[in-house]
Full PDB file with SEQRES, HELIX, SHEET, SSBOND, CRYST1, ORIGX, SCALE, CONECT and MASTER records, all heavy atoms in Angstrom:
SEQRES   1 A   42  GLU GLU VAL TRP ALA VAL GLY GLY GLY GLN ALA ILE ALA          
SEQRES   2 A   42  LEU MET ALA TYR GLY ASP ASP ASP ALA GLU LEU ALA PRO          
SEQRES   3 A   42  VAL ASP MET ILE THR GLY PRO GLY ASN ILE PHE VAL THR          
SEQRES   4 A   42  ALA ALA LYS                                                  
HELIX    1 AA1 GLY A    8  TYR A   17  1                                  10    
HELIX    2 AA2 ILE A   36  ALA A   41  1                                   6    
CRYST1    1.000    1.000    1.000  90.00  90.00  90.00 P 1           1          
ORIGX1      1.000000  0.000000  0.000000        0.00000                         
ORIGX2      0.000000  1.000000  0.000000        0.00000                         
ORIGX3      0.000000  0.000000  1.000000        0.00000                         
SCALE1      1.000000  0.000000  0.000000        0.00000                         
SCALE2      0.000000  1.000000  0.000000        0.00000                         
SCALE3      0.000000  0.000000  1.000000        0.00000                         
ATOM      1  N   GLU A   1    -117.022 -15.653  38.785  1.00  0.00           N  
ATOM      2  CA  GLU A   1    -118.301 -14.860  39.011  1.00  0.00           C  
ATOM      3  C   GLU A   1    -118.396 -13.759  38.265  1.00  0.00           C  
ATOM      4  O   GLU A   1    -119.530 -13.234  38.026  1.00  0.00           O  
ATOM      5  CB  GLU A   1    -118.437 -14.662  40.475  1.00  0.00           C  
ATOM      6  CG  GLU A   1    -118.612 -15.900  41.423  1.00  0.00           C  
ATOM      7  CD  GLU A   1    -118.673 -15.614  42.888  1.00  0.00           C  
ATOM      8  OE1 GLU A   1    -118.592 -14.425  43.203  1.00  0.00           O  
ATOM      9  OE2 GLU A   1    -118.946 -16.561  43.675  1.00  0.00           O  
ATOM     10  N   GLU A   2    -117.293 -13.109  37.849  1.00  0.00           N  
ATOM     11  CA  GLU A   2    -117.318 -11.774  37.145  1.00  0.00           C  
ATOM     12  C   GLU A   2    -117.111 -11.974  35.628  1.00  0.00           C  
ATOM     13  O   GLU A   2    -116.010 -12.393  35.176  1.00  0.00           O  
ATOM     14  CB  GLU A   2    -116.324 -10.927  37.755  1.00  0.00           C  
ATOM     15  CG  GLU A   2    -116.421  -9.471  37.265  1.00  0.00           C  
ATOM     16  CD  GLU A   2    -115.448  -8.506  37.984  1.00  0.00           C  
ATOM     17  OE1 GLU A   2    -114.811  -8.947  38.996  1.00  0.00           O  
ATOM     18  OE2 GLU A   2    -115.371  -7.368  37.565  1.00  0.00           O  
ATOM     19  N   VAL A   3    -118.203 -11.814  34.813  1.00  0.00           N  
ATOM     20  CA  VAL A   3    -118.103 -12.015  33.375  1.00  0.00           C  
ATOM     21  C   VAL A   3    -118.700 -10.758  32.757  1.00  0.00           C  
ATOM     22  O   VAL A   3    -119.790 -10.399  33.107  1.00  0.00           O  
ATOM     23  CB  VAL A   3    -119.014 -13.331  33.036  1.00  0.00           C  
ATOM     24  CG1 VAL A   3    -118.884 -13.518  31.514  1.00  0.00           C  
ATOM     25  CG2 VAL A   3    -118.438 -14.581  33.758  1.00  0.00           C  
ATOM     26  N   TRP A   4    -117.933 -10.291  31.788  1.00  0.00           N  
ATOM     27  CA  TRP A   4    -118.364  -9.125  31.091  1.00  0.00           C  
ATOM     28  C   TRP A   4    -118.815  -9.414  29.698  1.00  0.00           C  
ATOM     29  O   TRP A   4    -118.150 -10.176  29.020  1.00  0.00           O  
ATOM     30  CB  TRP A   4    -117.212  -8.049  31.071  1.00  0.00           C  
ATOM     31  CG  TRP A   4    -116.706  -7.524  32.321  1.00  0.00           C  
ATOM     32  CD1 TRP A   4    -117.312  -7.822  33.573  1.00  0.00           C  
ATOM     33  CD2 TRP A   4    -115.692  -6.622  32.565  1.00  0.00           C  
ATOM     34  NE1 TRP A   4    -116.626  -7.084  34.584  1.00  0.00           N  
ATOM     35  CE2 TRP A   4    -115.578  -6.442  33.915  1.00  0.00           C  
ATOM     36  CE3 TRP A   4    -114.783  -6.002  31.686  1.00  0.00           C  
ATOM     37  CZ2 TRP A   4    -114.620  -5.579  34.461  1.00  0.00           C  
ATOM     38  CZ3 TRP A   4    -113.828  -5.172  32.289  1.00  0.00           C  
ATOM     39  CH2 TRP A   4    -113.740  -5.019  33.559  1.00  0.00           C  
ATOM     40  N   ALA A   5    -120.000  -8.934  29.222  1.00  0.00           N  
ATOM     41  CA  ALA A   5    -120.494  -9.148  27.919  1.00  0.00           C  
ATOM     42  C   ALA A   5    -119.905  -8.049  27.041  1.00  0.00           C  
ATOM     43  O   ALA A   5    -120.507  -7.167  26.569  1.00  0.00           O  
ATOM     44  CB  ALA A   5    -122.015  -9.204  27.851  1.00  0.00           C  
ATOM     45  N   VAL A   6    -118.694  -8.220  26.626  1.00  0.00           N  
ATOM     46  CA  VAL A   6    -117.912  -7.295  25.800  1.00  0.00           C  
ATOM     47  C   VAL A   6    -116.841  -8.021  25.059  1.00  0.00           C  
ATOM     48  O   VAL A   6    -116.242  -8.978  25.593  1.00  0.00           O  
ATOM     49  CB  VAL A   6    -117.497  -6.073  26.685  1.00  0.00           C  
ATOM     50  CG1 VAL A   6    -116.440  -6.599  27.647  1.00  0.00           C  
ATOM     51  CG2 VAL A   6    -116.746  -5.090  25.744  1.00  0.00           C  
ATOM     52  N   GLY A   7    -116.675  -7.755  23.755  1.00  0.00           N  
ATOM     53  CA  GLY A   7    -115.611  -8.442  23.020  1.00  0.00           C  
ATOM     54  C   GLY A   7    -114.812  -7.527  22.275  1.00  0.00           C  
ATOM     55  O   GLY A   7    -114.908  -6.201  22.337  1.00  0.00           O  
ATOM     56  N   GLY A   8    -113.946  -8.028  21.274  1.00  0.00           N  
ATOM     57  CA  GLY A   8    -113.069  -7.179  20.452  1.00  0.00           C  
ATOM     58  C   GLY A   8    -112.067  -6.289  21.223  1.00  0.00           C  
ATOM     59  O   GLY A   8    -111.762  -6.554  22.459  1.00  0.00           O  
ATOM     60  N   GLY A   9    -111.568  -5.332  20.563  1.00  0.00           N  
ATOM     61  CA  GLY A   9    -110.613  -4.432  21.119  1.00  0.00           C  
ATOM     62  C   GLY A   9    -111.142  -3.551  22.201  1.00  0.00           C  
ATOM     63  O   GLY A   9    -110.343  -3.331  23.188  1.00  0.00           O  
ATOM     64  N   GLN A  10    -112.473  -3.308  22.164  1.00  0.00           N  
ATOM     65  CA  GLN A  10    -113.095  -2.580  23.313  1.00  0.00           C  
ATOM     66  C   GLN A  10    -113.055  -3.329  24.597  1.00  0.00           C  
ATOM     67  O   GLN A  10    -112.992  -2.782  25.580  1.00  0.00           O  
ATOM     68  CB  GLN A  10    -114.493  -2.189  23.022  1.00  0.00           C  
ATOM     69  CG  GLN A  10    -115.495  -3.340  22.765  1.00  0.00           C  
ATOM     70  CD  GLN A  10    -115.572  -3.807  21.269  1.00  0.00           C  
ATOM     71  OE1 GLN A  10    -114.684  -3.720  20.491  1.00  0.00           O  
ATOM     72  NE2 GLN A  10    -116.813  -4.352  20.990  1.00  0.00           N  
ATOM     73  N   ALA A  11    -113.027  -4.767  24.541  1.00  0.00           N  
ATOM     74  CA  ALA A  11    -113.015  -5.511  25.743  1.00  0.00           C  
ATOM     75  C   ALA A  11    -111.550  -5.391  26.368  1.00  0.00           C  
ATOM     76  O   ALA A  11    -111.463  -5.272  27.621  1.00  0.00           O  
ATOM     77  CB  ALA A  11    -113.258  -6.981  25.453  1.00  0.00           C  
ATOM     78  N   ILE A  12    -110.550  -5.371  25.602  1.00  0.00           N  
ATOM     79  CA  ILE A  12    -109.192  -5.250  26.026  1.00  0.00           C  
ATOM     80  C   ILE A  12    -109.029  -3.991  26.690  1.00  0.00           C  
ATOM     81  O   ILE A  12    -108.420  -3.847  27.818  1.00  0.00           O  
ATOM     82  CB  ILE A  12    -108.211  -5.492  24.878  1.00  0.00           C  
ATOM     83  CG1 ILE A  12    -108.437  -6.796  24.181  1.00  0.00           C  
ATOM     84  CG2 ILE A  12    -106.792  -5.374  25.353  1.00  0.00           C  
ATOM     85  CD1 ILE A  12    -108.265  -8.048  25.091  1.00  0.00           C  
ATOM     86  N   ALA A  13    -109.401  -2.898  26.028  1.00  0.00           N  
ATOM     87  CA  ALA A  13    -109.354  -1.528  26.561  1.00  0.00           C  
ATOM     88  C   ALA A  13    -110.094  -1.423  27.985  1.00  0.00           C  
ATOM     89  O   ALA A  13    -109.595  -0.752  28.871  1.00  0.00           O  
ATOM     90  CB  ALA A  13    -109.899  -0.475  25.572  1.00  0.00           C  
ATOM     91  N   LEU A  14    -111.300  -2.011  27.956  1.00  0.00           N  
ATOM     92  CA  LEU A  14    -112.172  -1.803  29.178  1.00  0.00           C  
ATOM     93  C   LEU A  14    -111.494  -2.586  30.364  1.00  0.00           C  
ATOM     94  O   LEU A  14    -111.507  -2.146  31.524  1.00  0.00           O  
ATOM     95  CB  LEU A  14    -113.538  -2.289  28.860  1.00  0.00           C  
ATOM     96  CG  LEU A  14    -114.520  -2.018  30.142  1.00  0.00           C  
ATOM     97  CD1 LEU A  14    -114.716  -0.504  30.434  1.00  0.00           C  
ATOM     98  CD2 LEU A  14    -116.012  -2.660  29.795  1.00  0.00           C  
ATOM     99  N   MET A  15    -110.926  -3.750  30.124  1.00  0.00           N  
ATOM    100  CA  MET A  15    -110.280  -4.534  31.177  1.00  0.00           C  
ATOM    101  C   MET A  15    -108.994  -3.698  31.639  1.00  0.00           C  
ATOM    102  O   MET A  15    -108.660  -3.745  32.870  1.00  0.00           O  
ATOM    103  CB  MET A  15    -109.807  -5.877  30.723  1.00  0.00           C  
ATOM    104  CG  MET A  15    -111.130  -6.844  30.657  1.00  0.00           C  
ATOM    105  SD  MET A  15    -110.624  -8.672  30.351  1.00  0.00           S  
ATOM    106  CE  MET A  15    -109.981  -8.617  28.680  1.00  0.00           C  
ATOM    107  N   ALA A  16    -108.357  -2.998  30.689  1.00  0.00           N  
ATOM    108  CA  ALA A  16    -107.130  -2.348  30.968  1.00  0.00           C  
ATOM    109  C   ALA A  16    -107.404  -1.062  31.813  1.00  0.00           C  
ATOM    110  O   ALA A  16    -106.599  -0.772  32.845  1.00  0.00           O  
ATOM    111  CB  ALA A  16    -106.371  -2.001  29.769  1.00  0.00           C  
ATOM    112  N   TYR A  17    -108.519  -0.343  31.570  1.00  0.00           N  
ATOM    113  CA  TYR A  17    -108.726   0.927  32.174  1.00  0.00           C  
ATOM    114  C   TYR A  17    -109.907   0.944  33.147  1.00  0.00           C  
ATOM    115  O   TYR A  17    -109.958   1.697  34.124  1.00  0.00           O  
ATOM    116  CB  TYR A  17    -109.033   2.025  31.160  1.00  0.00           C  
ATOM    117  CG  TYR A  17    -107.739   2.300  30.269  1.00  0.00           C  
ATOM    118  CD1 TYR A  17    -107.686   1.782  29.024  1.00  0.00           C  
ATOM    119  CD2 TYR A  17    -106.680   3.005  30.846  1.00  0.00           C  
ATOM    120  CE1 TYR A  17    -106.606   2.088  28.264  1.00  0.00           C  
ATOM    121  CE2 TYR A  17    -105.600   3.370  30.104  1.00  0.00           C  
ATOM    122  CZ  TYR A  17    -105.538   2.798  28.846  1.00  0.00           C  
ATOM    123  OH  TYR A  17    -104.274   3.107  28.059  1.00  0.00           O  
ATOM    124  N   GLY A  18    -110.869  -0.076  32.969  1.00  0.00           N  
ATOM    125  CA  GLY A  18    -111.857  -0.131  33.958  1.00  0.00           C  
ATOM    126  C   GLY A  18    -112.892   1.037  33.813  1.00  0.00           C  
ATOM    127  O   GLY A  18    -112.769   1.870  32.936  1.00  0.00           O  
ATOM    128  N   ASP A  19    -113.885   1.078  34.743  1.00  0.00           N  
ATOM    129  CA  ASP A  19    -114.883   2.112  34.807  1.00  0.00           C  
ATOM    130  C   ASP A  19    -115.372   2.272  36.316  1.00  0.00           C  
ATOM    131  O   ASP A  19    -116.129   1.342  36.622  1.00  0.00           O  
ATOM    132  CB  ASP A  19    -115.917   1.883  33.758  1.00  0.00           C  
ATOM    133  CG  ASP A  19    -116.927   3.116  33.723  1.00  0.00           C  
ATOM    134  OD1 ASP A  19    -117.132   3.767  34.745  1.00  0.00           O  
ATOM    135  OD2 ASP A  19    -117.558   3.289  32.773  1.00  0.00           O  
ATOM    136  N   ASP A  20    -114.907   3.190  37.095  1.00  0.00           N  
ATOM    137  CA  ASP A  20    -115.354   3.280  38.382  1.00  0.00           C  
ATOM    138  C   ASP A  20    -116.810   3.330  38.621  1.00  0.00           C  
ATOM    139  O   ASP A  20    -117.477   2.852  39.455  1.00  0.00           O  
ATOM    140  CB  ASP A  20    -114.597   4.403  39.172  1.00  0.00           C  
ATOM    141  CG  ASP A  20    -113.148   4.010  39.284  1.00  0.00           C  
ATOM    142  OD1 ASP A  20    -112.764   2.855  39.309  1.00  0.00           O  
ATOM    143  OD2 ASP A  20    -112.317   5.075  39.501  1.00  0.00           O  
ATOM    144  N   ASP A  21    -117.473   4.210  37.688  1.00  0.00           N  
ATOM    145  CA  ASP A  21    -118.913   4.575  37.863  1.00  0.00           C  
ATOM    146  C   ASP A  21    -119.662   3.299  37.533  1.00  0.00           C  
ATOM    147  O   ASP A  21    -120.769   3.157  38.160  1.00  0.00           O  
ATOM    148  CB  ASP A  21    -119.260   5.690  36.843  1.00  0.00           C  
ATOM    149  CG  ASP A  21    -118.648   7.025  37.206  1.00  0.00           C  
ATOM    150  OD1 ASP A  21    -118.356   7.243  38.432  1.00  0.00           O  
ATOM    151  OD2 ASP A  21    -118.454   7.842  36.323  1.00  0.00           O  
ATOM    152  N   ALA A  22    -119.225   2.358  36.658  1.00  0.00           N  
ATOM    153  CA  ALA A  22    -119.984   1.234  36.356  1.00  0.00           C  
ATOM    154  C   ALA A  22    -119.509   0.101  37.289  1.00  0.00           C  
ATOM    155  O   ALA A  22    -119.961  -1.096  37.034  1.00  0.00           O  
ATOM    156  CB  ALA A  22    -119.622   0.830  34.882  1.00  0.00           C  
ATOM    157  N   GLU A  23    -118.602   0.314  38.159  1.00  0.00           N  
ATOM    158  CA  GLU A  23    -118.106  -0.560  39.095  1.00  0.00           C  
ATOM    159  C   GLU A  23    -117.450  -1.819  38.386  1.00  0.00           C  
ATOM    160  O   GLU A  23    -117.537  -3.034  38.805  1.00  0.00           O  
ATOM    161  CB  GLU A  23    -119.232  -1.139  40.017  1.00  0.00           C  
ATOM    162  CG  GLU A  23    -119.891  -0.131  40.980  1.00  0.00           C  
ATOM    163  CD  GLU A  23    -120.903  -0.636  41.907  1.00  0.00           C  
ATOM    164  OE1 GLU A  23    -121.281  -1.814  41.740  1.00  0.00           O  
ATOM    165  OE2 GLU A  23    -121.302   0.017  42.856  1.00  0.00           O  
ATOM    166  N   LEU A  24    -116.594  -1.411  37.444  1.00  0.00           N  
ATOM    167  CA  LEU A  24    -115.804  -2.457  36.714  1.00  0.00           C  
ATOM    168  C   LEU A  24    -114.357  -2.028  36.992  1.00  0.00           C  
ATOM    169  O   LEU A  24    -113.783  -1.164  36.416  1.00  0.00           O  
ATOM    170  CB  LEU A  24    -116.088  -2.316  35.250  1.00  0.00           C  
ATOM    171  CG  LEU A  24    -117.575  -2.515  34.808  1.00  0.00           C  
ATOM    172  CD1 LEU A  24    -117.725  -2.215  33.334  1.00  0.00           C  
ATOM    173  CD2 LEU A  24    -118.038  -3.899  34.994  1.00  0.00           C  
ATOM    174  N   ALA A  25    -113.707  -2.784  37.915  1.00  0.00           N  
ATOM    175  CA  ALA A  25    -112.332  -2.649  38.219  1.00  0.00           C  
ATOM    176  C   ALA A  25    -111.366  -3.069  37.114  1.00  0.00           C  
ATOM    177  O   ALA A  25    -111.671  -4.115  36.489  1.00  0.00           O  
ATOM    178  CB  ALA A  25    -112.099  -3.402  39.517  1.00  0.00           C  
ATOM    179  N   PRO A  26    -110.382  -2.295  36.830  1.00  0.00           N  
ATOM    180  CA  PRO A  26    -109.471  -2.743  35.870  1.00  0.00           C  
ATOM    181  C   PRO A  26    -108.583  -3.840  36.354  1.00  0.00           C  
ATOM    182  O   PRO A  26    -108.482  -4.199  37.583  1.00  0.00           O  
ATOM    183  CB  PRO A  26    -108.518  -1.410  35.649  1.00  0.00           C  
ATOM    184  CG  PRO A  26    -108.578  -0.685  36.887  1.00  0.00           C  
ATOM    185  CD  PRO A  26    -109.998  -1.041  37.457  1.00  0.00           C  
ATOM    186  N   VAL A  27    -107.913  -4.545  35.372  1.00  0.00           N  
ATOM    187  CA  VAL A  27    -107.141  -5.658  35.805  1.00  0.00           C  
ATOM    188  C   VAL A  27    -105.645  -5.361  35.739  1.00  0.00           C  
ATOM    189  O   VAL A  27    -105.251  -4.260  35.292  1.00  0.00           O  
ATOM    190  CB  VAL A  27    -107.467  -6.887  34.859  1.00  0.00           C  
ATOM    191  CG1 VAL A  27    -108.907  -7.169  34.801  1.00  0.00           C  
ATOM    192  CG2 VAL A  27    -106.957  -6.516  33.423  1.00  0.00           C  
ATOM    193  N   ASP A  28    -104.760  -6.249  36.212  1.00  0.00           N  
ATOM    194  CA  ASP A  28    -103.377  -6.145  36.148  1.00  0.00           C  
ATOM    195  C   ASP A  28    -102.612  -6.766  35.010  1.00  0.00           C  
ATOM    196  O   ASP A  28    -101.641  -6.507  34.679  1.00  0.00           O  
ATOM    197  CB  ASP A  28    -102.716  -6.605  37.496  1.00  0.00           C  
ATOM    198  CG  ASP A  28    -103.316  -6.007  38.683  1.00  0.00           C  
ATOM    199  OD1 ASP A  28    -103.359  -4.677  38.717  1.00  0.00           O  
ATOM    200  OD2 ASP A  28    -103.807  -6.656  39.656  1.00  0.00           O  
ATOM    201  N   MET A  29    -103.361  -7.870  34.458  1.00  0.00           N  
ATOM    202  CA  MET A  29    -102.850  -8.524  33.377  1.00  0.00           C  
ATOM    203  C   MET A  29    -103.985  -9.068  32.422  1.00  0.00           C  
ATOM    204  O   MET A  29    -104.994  -9.371  33.077  1.00  0.00           O  
ATOM    205  CB  MET A  29    -101.850  -9.652  33.785  1.00  0.00           C  
ATOM    206  CG  MET A  29    -101.352 -10.492  32.673  1.00  0.00           C  
ATOM    207  SD  MET A  29    -100.119 -11.776  33.240  1.00  0.00           S  
ATOM    208  CE  MET A  29     -99.347 -12.185  31.674  1.00  0.00           C  
ATOM    209  N   ILE A  30    -103.667  -9.147  31.153  1.00  0.00           N  
ATOM    210  CA  ILE A  30    -104.724  -9.773  30.293  1.00  0.00           C  
ATOM    211  C   ILE A  30    -104.125 -10.871  29.529  1.00  0.00           C  
ATOM    212  O   ILE A  30    -103.130 -10.823  28.864  1.00  0.00           O  
ATOM    213  CB  ILE A  30    -105.233  -8.587  29.172  1.00  0.00           C  
ATOM    214  CG1 ILE A  30    -105.914  -7.428  30.044  1.00  0.00           C  
ATOM    215  CG2 ILE A  30    -106.218  -9.099  28.199  1.00  0.00           C  
ATOM    216  CD1 ILE A  30    -106.186  -6.078  29.106  1.00  0.00           C  
ATOM    217  N   THR A  31    -104.918 -11.901  29.402  1.00  0.00           N  
ATOM    218  CA  THR A  31    -104.475 -13.015  28.609  1.00  0.00           C  
ATOM    219  C   THR A  31    -105.646 -13.543  27.723  1.00  0.00           C  
ATOM    220  O   THR A  31    -106.861 -13.158  27.928  1.00  0.00           O  
ATOM    221  CB  THR A  31    -104.063 -14.264  29.585  1.00  0.00           C  
ATOM    222  OG1 THR A  31    -105.242 -14.909  30.268  1.00  0.00           O  
ATOM    223  CG2 THR A  31    -103.193 -13.832  30.549  1.00  0.00           C  
ATOM    224  N   GLY A  32    -105.401 -14.421  26.784  1.00  0.00           N  
ATOM    225  CA  GLY A  32    -106.352 -15.080  26.010  1.00  0.00           C  
ATOM    226  C   GLY A  32    -106.243 -14.675  24.487  1.00  0.00           C  
ATOM    227  O   GLY A  32    -105.784 -13.608  24.108  1.00  0.00           O  
ATOM    228  N   PRO A  33    -106.677 -15.673  23.666  1.00  0.00           N  
ATOM    229  CA  PRO A  33    -106.582 -15.415  22.152  1.00  0.00           C  
ATOM    230  C   PRO A  33    -107.673 -14.518  21.717  1.00  0.00           C  
ATOM    231  O   PRO A  33    -108.668 -14.251  22.394  1.00  0.00           O  
ATOM    232  CB  PRO A  33    -106.785 -16.864  21.700  1.00  0.00           C  
ATOM    233  CG  PRO A  33    -107.839 -17.474  22.653  1.00  0.00           C  
ATOM    234  CD  PRO A  33    -107.276 -16.903  24.049  1.00  0.00           C  
ATOM    235  N   GLY A  34    -107.461 -14.029  20.432  1.00  0.00           N  
ATOM    236  CA  GLY A  34    -108.454 -13.148  19.780  1.00  0.00           C  
ATOM    237  C   GLY A  34    -108.007 -12.850  18.414  1.00  0.00           C  
ATOM    238  O   GLY A  34    -106.920 -13.271  17.970  1.00  0.00           O  
ATOM    239  N   ASN A  35    -108.918 -12.095  17.684  1.00  0.00           N  
ATOM    240  CA  ASN A  35    -108.563 -11.773  16.263  1.00  0.00           C  
ATOM    241  C   ASN A  35    -107.483 -10.744  16.229  1.00  0.00           C  
ATOM    242  O   ASN A  35    -106.922 -10.324  17.238  1.00  0.00           O  
ATOM    243  CB  ASN A  35    -109.813 -11.385  15.588  1.00  0.00           C  
ATOM    244  CG  ASN A  35    -110.506 -10.147  16.031  1.00  0.00           C  
ATOM    245  OD1 ASN A  35    -109.857  -9.360  16.781  1.00  0.00           O  
ATOM    246  ND2 ASN A  35    -111.741 -10.035  15.793  1.00  0.00           N  
ATOM    247  N   ILE A  36    -107.167 -10.167  15.016  1.00  0.00           N  
ATOM    248  CA  ILE A  36    -106.140  -9.213  14.927  1.00  0.00           C  
ATOM    249  C   ILE A  36    -106.359  -7.966  15.583  1.00  0.00           C  
ATOM    250  O   ILE A  36    -105.406  -7.146  16.077  1.00  0.00           O  
ATOM    251  CB  ILE A  36    -105.856  -9.055  13.356  1.00  0.00           C  
ATOM    252  CG1 ILE A  36    -104.502  -8.293  13.087  1.00  0.00           C  
ATOM    253  CG2 ILE A  36    -107.003  -8.298  12.674  1.00  0.00           C  
ATOM    254  CD1 ILE A  36    -104.143  -8.218  11.666  1.00  0.00           C  
ATOM    255  N   PHE A  37    -107.665  -7.611  15.691  1.00  0.00           N  
ATOM    256  CA  PHE A  37    -108.030  -6.317  16.323  1.00  0.00           C  
ATOM    257  C   PHE A  37    -107.820  -6.427  17.952  1.00  0.00           C  
ATOM    258  O   PHE A  37    -107.447  -5.554  18.610  1.00  0.00           O  
ATOM    259  CB  PHE A  37    -109.470  -5.982  16.114  1.00  0.00           C  
ATOM    260  CG  PHE A  37    -109.687  -5.827  14.623  1.00  0.00           C  
ATOM    261  CD1 PHE A  37    -110.308  -6.738  13.907  1.00  0.00           C  
ATOM    262  CD2 PHE A  37    -109.251  -4.536  13.954  1.00  0.00           C  
ATOM    263  CE1 PHE A  37    -110.444  -6.546  12.564  1.00  0.00           C  
ATOM    264  CE2 PHE A  37    -109.381  -4.384  12.565  1.00  0.00           C  
ATOM    265  CZ  PHE A  37    -110.071  -5.378  11.870  1.00  0.00           C  
ATOM    266  N   VAL A  38    -108.048  -7.619  18.486  1.00  0.00           N  
ATOM    267  CA  VAL A  38    -107.883  -7.885  19.946  1.00  0.00           C  
ATOM    268  C   VAL A  38    -106.336  -7.867  20.168  1.00  0.00           C  
ATOM    269  O   VAL A  38    -105.816  -7.293  21.086  1.00  0.00           O  
ATOM    270  CB  VAL A  38    -108.372  -9.264  20.255  1.00  0.00           C  
ATOM    271  CG1 VAL A  38    -107.805  -9.757  21.570  1.00  0.00           C  
ATOM    272  CG2 VAL A  38    -109.931  -9.267  20.206  1.00  0.00           C  
ATOM    273  N   THR A  39    -105.567  -8.412  19.206  1.00  0.00           N  
ATOM    274  CA  THR A  39    -104.108  -8.389  19.399  1.00  0.00           C  
ATOM    275  C   THR A  39    -103.608  -7.049  19.298  1.00  0.00           C  
ATOM    276  O   THR A  39    -102.709  -6.579  20.052  1.00  0.00           O  
ATOM    277  CB  THR A  39    -103.453  -9.363  18.254  1.00  0.00           C  
ATOM    278  OG1 THR A  39    -104.043 -10.614  18.356  1.00  0.00           O  
ATOM    279  CG2 THR A  39    -101.894  -9.305  18.408  1.00  0.00           C  
ATOM    280  N   ALA A  40    -104.129  -6.307  18.408  1.00  0.00           N  
ATOM    281  CA  ALA A  40    -103.684  -4.848  18.223  1.00  0.00           C  
ATOM    282  C   ALA A  40    -103.980  -3.988  19.580  1.00  0.00           C  
ATOM    283  O   ALA A  40    -103.124  -3.200  20.082  1.00  0.00           O  
ATOM    284  CB  ALA A  40    -104.339  -4.195  17.103  1.00  0.00           C  
ATOM    285  N   ALA A  41    -105.104  -4.273  20.149  1.00  0.00           N  
ATOM    286  CA  ALA A  41    -105.580  -3.545  21.342  1.00  0.00           C  
ATOM    287  C   ALA A  41    -104.551  -4.011  22.424  1.00  0.00           C  
ATOM    288  O   ALA A  41    -104.192  -3.060  23.282  1.00  0.00           O  
ATOM    289  CB  ALA A  41    -107.014  -3.908  21.691  1.00  0.00           C  
ATOM    290  N   LYS A  42    -104.287  -5.270  22.574  1.00  0.00           N  
ATOM    291  CA  LYS A  42    -103.309  -5.675  23.580  1.00  0.00           C  
ATOM    292  C   LYS A  42    -101.894  -4.986  23.471  1.00  0.00           C  
ATOM    293  O   LYS A  42    -101.314  -4.512  24.449  1.00  0.00           O  
ATOM    294  CB  LYS A  42    -103.034  -7.138  23.453  1.00  0.00           C  
ATOM    295  CG  LYS A  42    -104.097  -8.104  24.069  1.00  0.00           C  
ATOM    296  CD  LYS A  42    -103.634  -9.500  23.958  1.00  0.00           C  
ATOM    297  CE  LYS A  42    -104.645 -10.544  24.412  1.00  0.00           C  
ATOM    298  NZ  LYS A  42    -104.134 -11.853  24.256  1.00  0.00           N  
TER     299      LYS A  42                                                      
MASTER        0    0    0    2    0    0    0    6  298    1    0    4          
END                                                                             
């Protein structure tokens, strides 16, 4: 039910740190493929 319209390295960072004001809770683990910028962010 929870889908975020965000990609790239910024998506990885947002999942890692979240945003309390935007009610986006951070996660404990990140999985999934991506380009070299996604990999660098991981």
